[in-house]
PDB file of N, CA and C in Angstrom:
ATOM      1  N   MET A   1     -54.446   1.052 -19.772  1.00  0.00           N
ATOM      2  CA  MET A   1     -53.226   0.122 -20.445  1.00  0.00           C
ATOM      3  C   MET A   1     -53.729  -0.844 -21.163  1.00  0.00           C
ATOM      4  N   LYS A   2     -52.927  -1.401 -22.172  1.00  0.00           N
ATOM      5  CA  LYS A   2     -53.427  -2.423 -22.860  1.00  0.00           C
ATOM      6  C   LYS A   2     -52.476  -3.763 -21.910  1.00  0.00           C
ATOM      7  N   TYR A   3     -53.390  -4.719 -21.857  1.00  0.00           N
ATOM      8  CA  TYR A   3     -52.616  -6.116 -21.429  1.00  0.00           C
ATOM      9  C   TYR A   3     -52.732  -7.392 -22.465  1.00  0.00           C
ATOM     10  N   ALA A   4     -51.993  -7.653 -22.543  1.00  0.00           N
ATOM     11  CA  ALA A   4     -51.986  -9.103 -23.304  1.00  0.00           C
ATOM     12  C   ALA A   4     -52.280 -10.511 -22.008  1.00  0.00           C
ATOM     13  N   LEU A   5     -53.211 -10.982 -22.430  1.00  0.00           N
ATOM     14  CA  LEU A   5     -53.627 -12.488 -21.810  1.00  0.00           C
ATOM     15  C   LEU A   5     -53.272 -13.363 -22.649  1.00  0.00           C
ATOM     16  N   LEU A   6     -52.090 -14.129 -22.180  1.00  0.00           N
ATOM     17  CA  LEU A   6     -51.403 -14.850 -23.343  1.00  0.00           C
ATOM     18  C   LEU A   6     -51.668 -16.336 -22.555  1.00  0.00           C
ATOM     19  N   ILE A   7     -52.333 -17.499 -23.434  1.00  0.00           N
ATOM     20  CA  ILE A   7     -52.832 -18.731 -22.854  1.00  0.00           C
ATOM     21  C   ILE A   7     -51.953 -19.733 -23.419  1.00  0.00           C
ATOM     22  N   TYR A   8     -51.221 -20.230 -22.428  1.00  0.00           N
ATOM     23  CA  TYR A   8     -50.133 -21.465 -22.544  1.00  0.00           C
ATOM     24  C   TYR A   8     -51.086 -22.659 -22.182  1.00  0.00           C
ATOM     25  N   GLY A   9     -50.652 -23.388 -22.610  1.00  0.00           N
ATOM     26  CA  GLY A   9     -51.407 -25.138 -22.393  1.00  0.00           C
ATOM     27  C   GLY A   9     -50.306 -26.252 -23.186  1.00  0.00           C
ATOM     28  N   ALA A  10     -50.590 -27.360 -23.049  1.00  0.00           N
ATOM     29  CA  ALA A  10     -50.072 -28.609 -23.556  1.00  0.00           C
ATOM     30  C   ALA A  10     -51.059 -28.783 -24.789  1.00  0.00           C
ATOM     31  N   GLU A  11     -50.416 -28.565 -26.012  1.00  0.00           N
ATOM     32  CA  GLU A  11     -51.518 -29.024 -27.027  1.00  0.00           C
ATOM     33  C   GLU A  11     -51.801 -30.748 -26.981  1.00  0.00           C
ATOM     34  N   SER A  12     -50.920 -31.593 -26.413  1.00  0.00           N
ATOM     35  CA  SER A  12     -51.219 -32.859 -26.358  1.00  0.00           C
ATOM     36  C   SER A  12     -52.704 -33.215 -25.677  1.00  0.00           C
ATOM     37  N   GLN A  13     -52.782 -32.146 -24.460  1.00  0.00           N
ATOM     38  CA  GLN A  13     -54.141 -32.215 -23.898  1.00  0.00           C
ATOM     39  C   GLN A  13     -55.150 -31.787 -24.659  1.00  0.00           C
ATOM     40  N   TRP A  14     -54.848 -30.595 -25.430  1.00  0.00           N
ATOM     41  CA  TRP A  14     -56.201 -30.125 -26.566  1.00  0.00           C
ATOM     42  C   TRP A  14     -56.602 -31.197 -27.248  1.00  0.00           C
ATOM     43  N   ASN A  15     -55.520 -31.969 -27.837  1.00  0.00           N
ATOM     44  CA  ASN A  15     -55.380 -32.838 -28.837  1.00  0.00           C
ATOM     45  C   ASN A  15     -56.517 -34.433 -28.461  1.00  0.00           C
ATOM     46  N   ALA A  16     -56.230 -34.421 -27.067  1.00  0.00           N
ATOM     47  CA  ALA A  16     -56.730 -35.578 -26.516  1.00  0.00           C
ATOM     48  C   ALA A  16     -58.230 -35.370 -26.481  1.00  0.00           C
ATOM     49  N   LEU A  17     -58.834 -34.145 -26.467  1.00  0.00           N
ATOM     50  CA  LEU A  17     -60.375 -33.614 -26.281  1.00  0.00           C
ATOM     51  C   LEU A  17     -61.115 -34.326 -27.538  1.00  0.00           C
ATOM     52  N   SER A  18     -62.378 -34.725 -27.233  1.00  0.00           N
ATOM     53  CA  SER A  18     -63.191 -34.963 -28.130  1.00  0.00           C
ATOM     54  C   SER A  18     -63.376 -33.584 -29.102  1.00  0.00           C
ATOM     55  N   GLU A  19     -64.231 -34.133 -30.119  1.00  0.00           N
ATOM     56  CA  GLU A  19     -64.237 -32.750 -31.122  1.00  0.00           C
ATOM     57  C   GLU A  19     -65.694 -32.007 -30.308  1.00  0.00           C
ATOM     58  N   ALA A  20     -66.496 -32.822 -29.665  1.00  0.00           N
ATOM     59  CA  ALA A  20     -67.591 -32.328 -28.974  1.00  0.00           C
ATOM     60  C   ALA A  20     -66.730 -31.413 -27.533  1.00  0.00           C
ATOM     61  N   GLU A  21     -65.748 -31.934 -26.990  1.00  0.00           N
ATOM     62  CA  GLU A  21     -65.211 -31.202 -25.742  1.00  0.00           C
ATOM     63  C   GLU A  21     -64.678 -29.948 -26.171  1.00  0.00           C
ATOM     64  N   GLN A  22     -63.936 -30.101 -27.640  1.00  0.00           N
ATOM     65  CA  GLN A  22     -63.478 -28.992 -28.140  1.00  0.00           C
ATOM     66  C   GLN A  22     -64.232 -27.906 -28.446  1.00  0.00           C
ATOM     67  N   MET A  23     -65.214 -28.422 -29.036  1.00  0.00           N
ATOM     68  CA  MET A  23     -66.137 -27.478 -29.425  1.00  0.00           C
ATOM     69  C   MET A  23     -66.988 -26.703 -28.265  1.00  0.00           C
ATOM     70  N   ALA A  24     -67.346 -27.198 -27.178  1.00  0.00           N
ATOM     71  CA  ALA A  24     -67.539 -26.796 -25.788  1.00  0.00           C
ATOM     72  C   ALA A  24     -66.405 -25.901 -25.386  1.00  0.00           C
ATOM     73  N   MET A  25     -65.215 -25.814 -25.465  1.00  0.00           N
ATOM     74  CA  MET A  25     -64.133 -24.958 -25.232  1.00  0.00           C
ATOM     75  C   MET A  25     -63.965 -23.782 -25.927  1.00  0.00           C
ATOM     76  N   PHE A  26     -64.596 -23.985 -27.439  1.00  0.00           N
ATOM     77  CA  PHE A  26     -64.460 -22.911 -28.108  1.00  0.00           C
ATOM     78  C   PHE A  26     -65.738 -21.669 -27.695  1.00  0.00           C
ATOM     79  N   GLU A  27     -67.084 -22.546 -27.568  1.00  0.00           N
ATOM     80  CA  GLU A  27     -67.874 -21.788 -27.048  1.00  0.00           C
ATOM     81  C   GLU A  27     -67.798 -20.996 -25.470  1.00  0.00           C
ATOM     82  N   LYS A  28     -66.489 -21.704 -24.813  1.00  0.00           N
ATOM     83  CA  LYS A  28     -66.465 -20.845 -23.626  1.00  0.00           C
ATOM     84  C   LYS A  28     -65.889 -19.712 -23.848  1.00  0.00           C
ATOM     85  N   HIS A  29     -65.018 -19.985 -24.857  1.00  0.00           N
ATOM     86  CA  HIS A  29     -64.167 -18.463 -25.372  1.00  0.00           C
ATOM     87  C   HIS A  29     -64.907 -17.575 -25.723  1.00  0.00           C
ATOM     88  N   GLY A  30     -66.072 -17.950 -26.752  1.00  0.00           N
ATOM     89  CA  GLY A  30     -66.724 -17.027 -27.424  1.00  0.00           C
ATOM     90  C   GLY A  30     -67.624 -16.337 -26.299  1.00  0.00           C
ATOM     91  N   ALA A  31     -68.190 -16.947 -25.035  1.00  0.00           N
ATOM     92  CA  ALA A  31     -68.974 -16.342 -24.189  1.00  0.00           C
ATOM     93  C   ALA A  31     -67.887 -15.641 -23.637  1.00  0.00           C
ATOM     94  N   TYR A  32     -66.739 -15.956 -23.238  1.00  0.00           N
ATOM     95  CA  TYR A  32     -65.685 -14.961 -22.713  1.00  0.00           C
ATOM     96  C   TYR A  32     -65.443 -13.835 -23.330  1.00  0.00           C
ATOM     97  N   SER A  33     -65.043 -14.234 -24.700  1.00  0.00           N
ATOM     98  CA  SER A  33     -64.853 -12.776 -25.611  1.00  0.00           C
ATOM     99  C   SER A  33     -66.164 -11.767 -25.504  1.00  0.00           C
ATOM    100  N   GLU A  34     -67.495 -12.376 -25.385  1.00  0.00           N
ATOM    101  CA  GLU A  34     -68.586 -11.490 -25.411  1.00  0.00           C
ATOM    102  C   GLU A  34     -68.780 -10.608 -23.920  1.00  0.00           C
ATOM    103  N   ALA A  35     -68.234 -11.071 -22.989  1.00  0.00           N
ATOM    104  CA  ALA A  35     -67.891 -10.538 -21.771  1.00  0.00           C
ATOM    105  C   ALA A  35     -67.253  -9.365 -21.726  1.00  0.00           C
ATOM    106  N   LEU A  36     -66.116  -9.882 -22.581  1.00  0.00           N
ATOM    107  CA  LEU A  36     -65.002  -8.699 -22.603  1.00  0.00           C
ATOM    108  C   LEU A  36     -65.345  -7.606 -23.344  1.00  0.00           C
ATOM    109  N   VAL A  37     -66.341  -8.049 -24.534  1.00  0.00           N
ATOM    110  CA  VAL A  37     -66.815  -6.834 -25.174  1.00  0.00           C
ATOM    111  C   VAL A  37     -67.761  -5.900 -24.285  1.00  0.00           C
ATOM    112  N   GLN A  38     -68.977  -6.686 -23.874  1.00  0.00           N
ATOM    113  CA  GLN A  38     -70.019  -6.002 -22.963  1.00  0.00           C
ATOM    114  C   GLN A  38     -69.184  -5.109 -21.975  1.00  0.00           C
ATOM    115  N   ALA A  39     -67.986  -5.700 -21.534  1.00  0.00           N
ATOM    116  CA  ALA A  39     -67.322  -4.796 -20.266  1.00  0.00           C
ATOM    117  C   ALA A  39     -66.700  -3.610 -20.678  1.00  0.00           C
ATOM    118  N   GLY A  40     -66.682  -3.530 -21.927  1.00  0.00           N
ATOM    119  CA  GLY A  40     -65.896  -2.694 -22.742  1.00  0.00           C
ATOM    120  C   GLY A  40     -64.095  -2.800 -22.847  1.00  0.00           C
ATOM    121  N   LEU A  41     -63.836  -4.015 -22.548  1.00  0.00           N
ATOM    122  CA  LEU A  41     -62.286  -4.286 -22.326  1.00  0.00           C
ATOM    123  C   LEU A  41     -61.338  -4.612 -23.422  1.00  0.00           C
ATOM    124  N   MET A  42     -62.360  -5.195 -24.525  1.00  0.00           N
ATOM    125  CA  MET A  42     -61.469  -6.428 -25.755  1.00  0.00           C
ATOM    126  C   MET A  42     -61.177  -5.210 -26.666  1.00  0.00           C
ATOM    127  N   VAL A  43     -59.750  -5.581 -26.773  1.00  0.00           N
ATOM    128  CA  VAL A  43     -59.119  -4.980 -28.138  1.00  0.00           C
ATOM    129  C   VAL A  43     -59.006  -5.855 -28.920  1.00  0.00           C
ATOM    130  N   SER A  44     -58.669  -7.165 -28.686  1.00  0.00           N
ATOM    131  CA  SER A  44     -58.478  -8.506 -30.125  1.00  0.00           C
ATOM    132  C   SER A  44     -58.438  -9.562 -29.349  1.00  0.00           C
ATOM    133  N   GLY A  45     -58.326 -10.729 -30.008  1.00  0.00           N
ATOM    134  CA  GLY A  45     -57.968 -12.077 -29.369  1.00  0.00           C
ATOM    135  C   GLY A  45     -57.843 -12.732 -30.481  1.00  0.00           C
ATOM    136  N   GLU A  46     -57.257 -13.848 -30.593  1.00  0.00           N
ATOM    137  CA  GLU A  46     -57.240 -14.753 -31.654  1.00  0.00           C
ATOM    138  C   GLU A  46     -56.468 -16.130 -31.175  1.00  0.00           C
ATOM    139  N   PRO A  47     -56.934 -17.194 -31.339  1.00  0.00           N
ATOM    140  CA  PRO A  47     -56.479 -18.439 -31.344  1.00  0.00           C
ATOM    141  C   PRO A  47     -54.895 -18.935 -32.236  1.00  0.00           C
ATOM    142  N   LEU A  48     -54.171 -19.587 -31.932  1.00  0.00           N
ATOM    143  CA  LEU A  48     -52.743 -19.787 -32.912  1.00  0.00           C
ATOM    144  C   LEU A  48     -53.150 -21.405 -33.030  1.00  0.00           C
ATOM    145  N   ASP A  49     -52.288 -21.256 -34.342  1.00  0.00           N
ATOM    146  CA  ASP A  49     -52.065 -22.688 -34.708  1.00  0.00           C
ATOM    147  C   ASP A  49     -51.133 -23.415 -34.170  1.00  0.00           C
ATOM    148  N   VAL A  50     -51.178 -24.740 -34.289  1.00  0.00           N
ATOM    149  CA  VAL A  50     -50.122 -25.532 -33.329  1.00  0.00           C
ATOM    150  C   VAL A  50     -48.678 -25.240 -33.558  1.00  0.00           C
ATOM    151  N   ALA A  51     -47.817 -25.329 -32.553  1.00  0.00           N
ATOM    152  CA  ALA A  51     -46.539 -25.221 -32.474  1.00  0.00           C
ATOM    153  C   ALA A  51     -45.789 -25.373 -33.391  1.00  0.00           C
ATOM    154  N   GLU A  52     -46.152 -26.659 -34.082  1.00  0.00           N
ATOM    155  CA  GLU A  52     -45.424 -27.376 -35.268  1.00  0.00           C
ATOM    156  C   GLU A  52     -45.260 -26.658 -36.306  1.00  0.00           C
ATOM    157  N   THR A  53     -46.364 -25.609 -37.044  1.00  0.00           N
ATOM    158  CA  THR A  53     -46.546 -24.940 -37.689  1.00  0.00           C
ATOM    159  C   THR A  53     -45.863 -23.562 -37.720  1.00  0.00           C
ATOM    160  N   ALA A  54     -45.318 -23.329 -36.446  1.00  0.00           N
ATOM    161  CA  ALA A  54     -44.353 -22.085 -36.256  1.00  0.00           C
ATOM    162  C   ALA A  54     -43.081 -21.951 -37.110  1.00  0.00           C
ATOM    163  N   LYS A  55     -42.685 -20.851 -37.452  1.00  0.00           N
ATOM    164  CA  LYS A  55     -41.542 -20.399 -37.948  1.00  0.00           C
ATOM    165  C   LYS A  55     -40.825 -19.249 -37.126  1.00  0.00           C
ATOM    166  N   ARG A  56     -39.422 -19.566 -37.211  1.00  0.00           N
ATOM    167  CA  ARG A  56     -38.682 -18.322 -36.293  1.00  0.00           C
ATOM    168  C   ARG A  56     -37.703 -17.804 -36.970  1.00  0.00           C
ATOM    169  N   ILE A  57     -37.572 -16.569 -37.138  1.00  0.00           N
ATOM    170  CA  ILE A  57     -36.437 -16.047 -38.016  1.00  0.00           C
ATOM    171  C   ILE A  57     -35.021 -15.842 -37.255  1.00  0.00           C
ATOM    172  N   THR A  58     -33.949 -15.994 -37.395  1.00  0.00           N
ATOM    173  CA  THR A  58     -32.801 -16.025 -36.444  1.00  0.00           C
ATOM    174  C   THR A  58     -31.656 -15.765 -37.477  1.00  0.00           C
ATOM    175  N   ASP A  59     -30.622 -15.266 -36.728  1.00  0.00           N
ATOM    176  CA  ASP A  59     -29.575 -15.082 -37.553  1.00  0.00           C
ATOM    177  C   ASP A  59     -29.145 -16.174 -38.496  1.00  0.00           C
ATOM    178  N   ASP A  60     -29.345 -17.400 -38.416  1.00  0.00           N
ATOM    179  CA  ASP A  60     -28.939 -18.414 -38.950  1.00  0.00           C
ATOM    180  C   ASP A  60     -30.206 -18.972 -40.109  1.00  0.00           C
ATOM    181  N   GLY A  61     -31.075 -17.861 -40.194  1.00  0.00           N
ATOM    182  CA  GLY A  61     -32.217 -18.259 -41.090  1.00  0.00           C
ATOM    183  C   GLY A  61     -33.473 -18.770 -40.468  1.00  0.00           C
ATOM    184  N   VAL A  62     -34.261 -19.261 -41.153  1.00  0.00           N
ATOM    185  CA  VAL A  62     -35.467 -19.825 -40.902  1.00  0.00           C
ATOM    186  C   VAL A  62     -35.463 -21.042 -40.267  1.00  0.00           C
ATOM    187  N   GLN A  63     -36.176 -21.312 -38.921  1.00  0.00           N
ATOM    188  CA  GLN A  63     -36.114 -22.684 -38.170  1.00  0.00           C
ATOM    189  C   GLN A  63     -37.575 -22.730 -38.102  1.00  0.00           C
ATOM    190  N   ASP A  64     -37.989 -23.953 -38.242  1.00  0.00           N
ATOM    191  CA  ASP A  64     -39.347 -24.762 -37.972  1.00  0.00           C
ATOM    192  C   ASP A  64     -39.598 -25.013 -36.568  1.00  0.00           C
ATOM    193  N   GLY A  65     -40.864 -24.857 -35.991  1.00  0.00           N
ATOM    194  CA  GLY A  65     -40.910 -25.312 -34.679  1.00  0.00           C
ATOM    195  C   GLY A  65     -41.574 -26.391 -34.469  1.00  0.00           C
ATOM    196  N   PRO A  66     -41.644 -26.811 -33.197  1.00  0.00           N
ATOM    197  CA  PRO A  66     -41.615 -26.125 -31.851  1.00  0.00           C
ATOM    198  C   PRO A  66     -40.269 -25.729 -31.380  1.00  0.00           C
ATOM    199  N   TYR A  67     -40.107 -24.695 -30.679  1.00  0.00           N
ATOM    200  CA  TYR A  67     -38.689 -24.298 -30.262  1.00  0.00           C
ATOM    201  C   TYR A  67     -38.337 -24.761 -28.748  1.00  0.00           C
ATOM    202  N   ALA A  68     -39.494 -24.326 -27.716  1.00  0.00           N
ATOM    203  CA  ALA A  68     -39.051 -24.682 -26.475  1.00  0.00           C
ATOM    204  C   ALA A  68     -39.406 -26.629 -26.217  1.00  0.00           C
ATOM    205  N   ASP A  69     -38.093 -26.445 -25.446  1.00  0.00           N
ATOM    206  CA  ASP A  69     -38.215 -28.247 -24.735  1.00  0.00           C
ATOM    207  C   ASP A  69     -39.400 -28.172 -23.544  1.00  0.00           C
ATOM    208  N   THR A  70     -40.329 -27.835 -23.997  1.00  0.00           N
ATOM    209  CA  THR A  70     -41.453 -27.762 -22.646  1.00  0.00           C
ATOM    210  C   THR A  70     -43.007 -28.479 -23.270  1.00  0.00           C
ATOM    211  N   LYS A  71     -43.576 -28.723 -22.075  1.00  0.00           N
ATOM    212  CA  LYS A  71     -44.918 -29.389 -22.527  1.00  0.00           C
ATOM    213  C   LYS A  71     -46.073 -28.365 -23.059  1.00  0.00           C
ATOM    214  N   GLU A  72     -45.571 -27.035 -22.653  1.00  0.00           N
ATOM    215  CA  GLU A  72     -46.730 -26.081 -22.674  1.00  0.00           C
ATOM    216  C   GLU A  72     -46.282 -24.985 -24.153  1.00  0.00           C
ATOM    217  N   GLN A  73     -47.267 -24.662 -24.890  1.00  0.00           N
ATOM    218  CA  GLN A  73     -47.489 -24.075 -25.783  1.00  0.00           C
ATOM    219  C   GLN A  73     -48.091 -22.657 -25.973  1.00  0.00           C
ATOM    220  N   LEU A  74     -47.655 -21.689 -26.565  1.00  0.00           N
ATOM    221  CA  LEU A  74     -48.805 -20.420 -26.504  1.00  0.00           C
ATOM    222  C   LEU A  74     -49.771 -20.983 -27.687  1.00  0.00           C
ATOM    223  N   GLY A  75     -51.293 -20.928 -27.137  1.00  0.00           N
ATOM    224  CA  GLY A  75     -52.029 -21.483 -27.694  1.00  0.00           C
ATOM    225  C   GLY A  75     -53.025 -20.400 -28.336  1.00  0.00           C
ATOM    226  N   GLY A  76     -53.140 -19.180 -27.838  1.00  0.00           N
ATOM    227  CA  GLY A  76     -53.704 -17.746 -28.220  1.00  0.00           C
ATOM    228  C   GLY A  76     -53.718 -16.751 -27.273  1.00  0.00           C
ATOM    229  N   PHE A  77     -54.322 -15.765 -27.419  1.00  0.00           N
ATOM    230  CA  PHE A  77     -54.160 -14.447 -26.671  1.00  0.00           C
ATOM    231  C   PHE A  77     -55.691 -13.858 -26.831  1.00  0.00           C
ATOM    232  N   TYR A  78     -55.557 -13.095 -25.899  1.00  0.00           N
ATOM    233  CA  TYR A  78     -56.281 -11.535 -25.872  1.00  0.00           C
ATOM    234  C   TYR A  78     -55.891 -10.403 -25.598  1.00  0.00           C
ATOM    235  N   VAL A  79     -56.223  -9.399 -26.014  1.00  0.00           N
ATOM    236  CA  VAL A  79     -55.278  -8.191 -25.820  1.00  0.00           C
ATOM    237  C   VAL A  79     -56.671  -7.387 -25.186  1.00  0.00           C
ATOM    238  N   ILE A  80     -56.516  -6.938 -23.972  1.00  0.00           N
ATOM    239  CA  ILE A  80     -57.638  -6.090 -23.384  1.00  0.00           C
ATOM    240  C   ILE A  80     -57.061  -4.620 -23.219  1.00  0.00           C
ATOM    241  N   GLU A  81     -57.903  -3.831 -22.980  1.00  0.00           N
ATOM    242  CA  GLU A  81     -57.774  -2.447 -22.177  1.00  0.00           C
ATOM    243  C   GLU A  81     -58.259  -2.348 -20.991  1.00  0.00           C
ATOM    244  N   ALA A  82     -57.465  -2.385 -19.934  1.00  0.00           N
ATOM    245  CA  ALA A  82     -57.963  -2.417 -18.864  1.00  0.00           C
ATOM    246  C   ALA A  82     -57.326  -1.202 -17.723  1.00  0.00           C
ATOM    247  N   GLY A  83     -57.978  -0.489 -16.933  1.00  0.00           N
ATOM    248  CA  GLY A  83     -57.599   0.513 -16.192  1.00  0.00           C
ATOM    249  C   GLY A  83     -56.572   0.151 -15.204  1.00  0.00           C
ATOM    250  N   THR A  84     -56.624  -0.966 -14.739  1.00  0.00           N
ATOM    251  CA  THR A  84     -55.644  -1.543 -13.746  1.00  0.00           C
ATOM    252  C   THR A  84     -54.763  -2.850 -14.064  1.00  0.00           C
ATOM    253  N   LEU A  85     -53.599  -3.076 -13.632  1.00  0.00           N
ATOM    254  CA  LEU A  85     -53.092  -4.466 -13.304  1.00  0.00           C
ATOM    255  C   LEU A  85     -54.243  -5.465 -12.573  1.00  0.00           C
ATOM    256  N   GLN A  86     -55.104  -4.853 -11.558  1.00  0.00           N
ATOM    257  CA  GLN A  86     -55.805  -5.931 -11.171  1.00  0.00           C
ATOM    258  C   GLN A  86     -56.888  -6.301 -11.758  1.00  0.00           C
ATOM    259  N   THR A  87     -57.574  -5.166 -12.583  1.00  0.00           N
ATOM    260  CA  THR A  87     -58.792  -5.561 -13.606  1.00  0.00           C
ATOM    261  C   THR A  87     -58.444  -6.712 -14.452  1.00  0.00           C
ATOM    262  N   ALA A  88     -56.798  -6.440 -15.151  1.00  0.00           N
ATOM    263  CA  ALA A  88     -56.493  -7.675 -16.242  1.00  0.00           C
ATOM    264  C   ALA A  88     -56.284  -8.780 -15.496  1.00  0.00           C
ATOM    265  N   LEU A  89     -55.891  -8.984 -14.114  1.00  0.00           N
ATOM    266  CA  LEU A  89     -55.644  -9.976 -13.595  1.00  0.00           C
ATOM    267  C   LEU A  89     -57.008 -10.913 -13.184  1.00  0.00           C
ATOM    268  N   ASP A  90     -57.696 -10.111 -12.799  1.00  0.00           N
ATOM    269  CA  ASP A  90     -59.096 -10.592 -12.423  1.00  0.00           C
ATOM    270  C   ASP A  90     -60.071 -11.219 -13.680  1.00  0.00           C
ATOM    271  N   TRP A  91     -59.572 -10.511 -14.764  1.00  0.00           N
ATOM    272  CA  TRP A  91     -60.188 -11.164 -16.056  1.00  0.00           C
ATOM    273  C   TRP A  91     -59.366 -12.384 -16.674  1.00  0.00           C
ATOM    274  N   ALA A  92     -58.065 -12.292 -16.568  1.00  0.00           N
ATOM    275  CA  ALA A  92     -57.264 -13.134 -16.774  1.00  0.00           C
ATOM    276  C   ALA A  92     -57.694 -14.578 -15.823  1.00  0.00           C
ATOM    277  N   ALA A  93     -57.974 -14.320 -14.803  1.00  0.00           N
ATOM    278  CA  ALA A  93     -58.713 -15.703 -13.921  1.00  0.00           C
ATOM    279  C   ALA A  93     -59.601 -16.200 -14.502  1.00  0.00           C
ATOM    280  N   LYS A  94     -60.392 -15.396 -15.164  1.00  0.00           N
ATOM    281  CA  LYS A  94     -62.008 -16.089 -15.804  1.00  0.00           C
ATOM    282  C   LYS A  94     -61.777 -16.573 -17.097  1.00  0.00           C
ATOM    283  N   CYS A  95     -60.719 -16.504 -17.917  1.00  0.00           N
ATOM    284  CA  CYS A  95     -60.388 -16.986 -19.049  1.00  0.00           C
ATOM    285  C   CYS A  95     -60.487 -18.600 -19.053  1.00  0.00           C
ATOM    286  N   PRO A  96     -61.348 -19.079 -19.668  1.00  0.00           N
ATOM    287  CA  PRO A  96     -61.432 -20.482 -19.950  1.00  0.00           C
ATOM    288  C   PRO A  96     -60.191 -20.998 -20.258  1.00  0.00           C
ATOM    289  N   ARG A  97     -59.944 -21.881 -19.572  1.00  0.00           N
ATOM    290  CA  ARG A  97     -58.541 -23.091 -19.796  1.00  0.00           C
ATOM    291  C   ARG A  97     -58.952 -24.312 -19.221  1.00  0.00           C
ATOM    292  N   LEU A  98     -58.189 -25.202 -19.830  1.00  0.00           N
ATOM    293  CA  LEU A  98     -57.921 -26.767 -19.428  1.00  0.00           C
ATOM    294  C   LEU A  98     -57.094 -26.867 -18.301  1.00  0.00           C
ATOM    295  N   PRO A  99     -57.139 -27.890 -17.490  1.00  0.00           N
ATOM    296  CA  PRO A  99     -56.759 -28.055 -16.179  1.00  0.00           C
ATOM    297  C   PRO A  99     -55.061 -27.786 -16.454  1.00  0.00           C
ATOM    298  N   GLY A 100     -54.278 -27.124 -15.741  1.00  0.00           N
ATOM    299  CA  GLY A 100     -53.000 -27.185 -15.870  1.00  0.00           C
ATOM    300  C   GLY A 100     -52.652 -26.114 -17.032  1.00  0.00           C
ATOM    301  N   ASP A 101     -53.278 -25.499 -17.512  1.00  0.00           N
ATOM    302  CA  ASP A 101     -53.302 -24.436 -18.732  1.00  0.00           C
ATOM    303  C   ASP A 101     -53.021 -23.107 -17.627  1.00  0.00           C
ATOM    304  N   GLN A 102     -51.981 -21.921 -18.323  1.00  0.00           N
ATOM    305  CA  GLN A 102     -51.650 -20.884 -17.541  1.00  0.00           C
ATOM    306  C   GLN A 102     -52.152 -19.697 -18.097  1.00  0.00           C
ATOM    307  N   ILE A 103     -52.645 -18.889 -17.795  1.00  0.00           N
ATOM    308  CA  ILE A 103     -52.412 -17.301 -18.261  1.00  0.00           C
ATOM    309  C   ILE A 103     -51.610 -16.523 -17.881  1.00  0.00           C
ATOM    310  N   GLU A 104     -50.706 -15.894 -18.598  1.00  0.00           N
ATOM    311  CA  GLU A 104     -49.744 -14.954 -18.444  1.00  0.00           C
ATOM    312  C   GLU A 104     -50.058 -13.770 -18.814  1.00  0.00           C
ATOM    313  N   VAL A 105     -49.888 -12.597 -17.851  1.00  0.00           N
ATOM    314  CA  VAL A 105     -50.639 -11.382 -18.195  1.00  0.00           C
ATOM    315  C   VAL A 105     -49.579 -10.187 -18.145  1.00  0.00           C
ATOM    316  N   ARG A 106     -49.233  -9.660 -19.560  1.00  0.00           N
ATOM    317  CA  ARG A 106     -48.249  -8.705 -19.784  1.00  0.00           C
ATOM    318  C   ARG A 106     -48.976  -7.207 -20.094  1.00  0.00           C
ATOM    319  N   SER A 107     -48.416  -6.240 -19.765  1.00  0.00           N
ATOM    320  CA  SER A 107     -48.552  -5.392 -20.203  1.00  0.00           C
ATOM    321  C   SER A 107     -48.050  -4.813 -21.844  1.00  0.00           C
ATOM    322  N   VAL A 108     -48.931  -4.196 -22.454  1.00  0.00           N
ATOM    323  CA  VAL A 108     -48.413  -3.466 -23.806  1.00  0.00           C
ATOM    324  C   VAL A 108     -48.278  -2.286 -24.002  1.00  0.00           C
ATOM    325  N   PRO A 109     -46.858  -1.657 -23.638  1.00  0.00           N
ATOM    326  CA  PRO A 109     -46.693  -0.178 -23.409  1.00  0.00           C
ATOM    327  C   PRO A 109     -46.930   0.289 -24.897  1.00  0.00           C
ATOM    328  N   ALA A 110     -47.595   1.415 -24.712  1.00  0.00           N
ATOM    329  CA  ALA A 110     -47.699   2.192 -25.927  1.00  0.00           C
ATOM    330  C   ALA A 110     -46.310   2.856 -27.019  1.00  0.00           C
ATOM    331  N   TYR A 111     -46.443   2.999 -28.069  1.00  0.00           N
ATOM    332  CA  TYR A 111     -45.333   3.057 -28.866  1.00  0.00           C
ATOM    333  C   TYR A 111     -44.498   4.361 -28.145  1.00  0.00           C
ATOM    334  N   GLY A 112     -43.374   3.913 -28.049  1.00  0.00           N
ATOM    335  CA  GLY A 112     -42.593   4.943 -27.315  1.00  0.00           C
ATOM    336  C   GLY A 112     -42.407   4.850 -26.112  1.00  0.00           C
ATOM    337  N   ASP A 113     -43.263   3.922 -25.188  1.00  0.00           N
ATOM    338  CA  ASP A 113     -43.055   3.971 -23.719  1.00  0.00           C
ATOM    339  C   ASP A 113     -41.963   2.792 -23.229  1.00  0.00           C
ATOM    340  N   ALA A 114     -41.741   2.176 -24.338  1.00  0.00           N
ATOM    341  CA  ALA A 114     -40.945   0.784 -24.031  1.00  0.00           C
ATOM    342  C   ALA A 114     -39.571   1.277 -23.780  1.00  0.00           C
TER     343      ALA A 114
END
């Protein structure tokens, strides 16, 4: 089963980091990605641009982001192939994050299973 590990955090917290601190976090994600590859779980993963660059298509046309009136934004994701939900949760718990960030785990049903 595929699982999406969705990384939510406050962009303001990320922006408050020094360049060195941001690079250190990127290095942690690189090591985490490599560990997922070595474990045979990695399908894909990417960071996302800031929420204000997002566009949303609605019945009323195109809207500019951000949309939710919350301090957390979706900042990136991993898609992994794990045998069980518990395995996905265990790996999600290892995902690098800043204090207060959250990792949401959602199954990705195979086409036709949804």
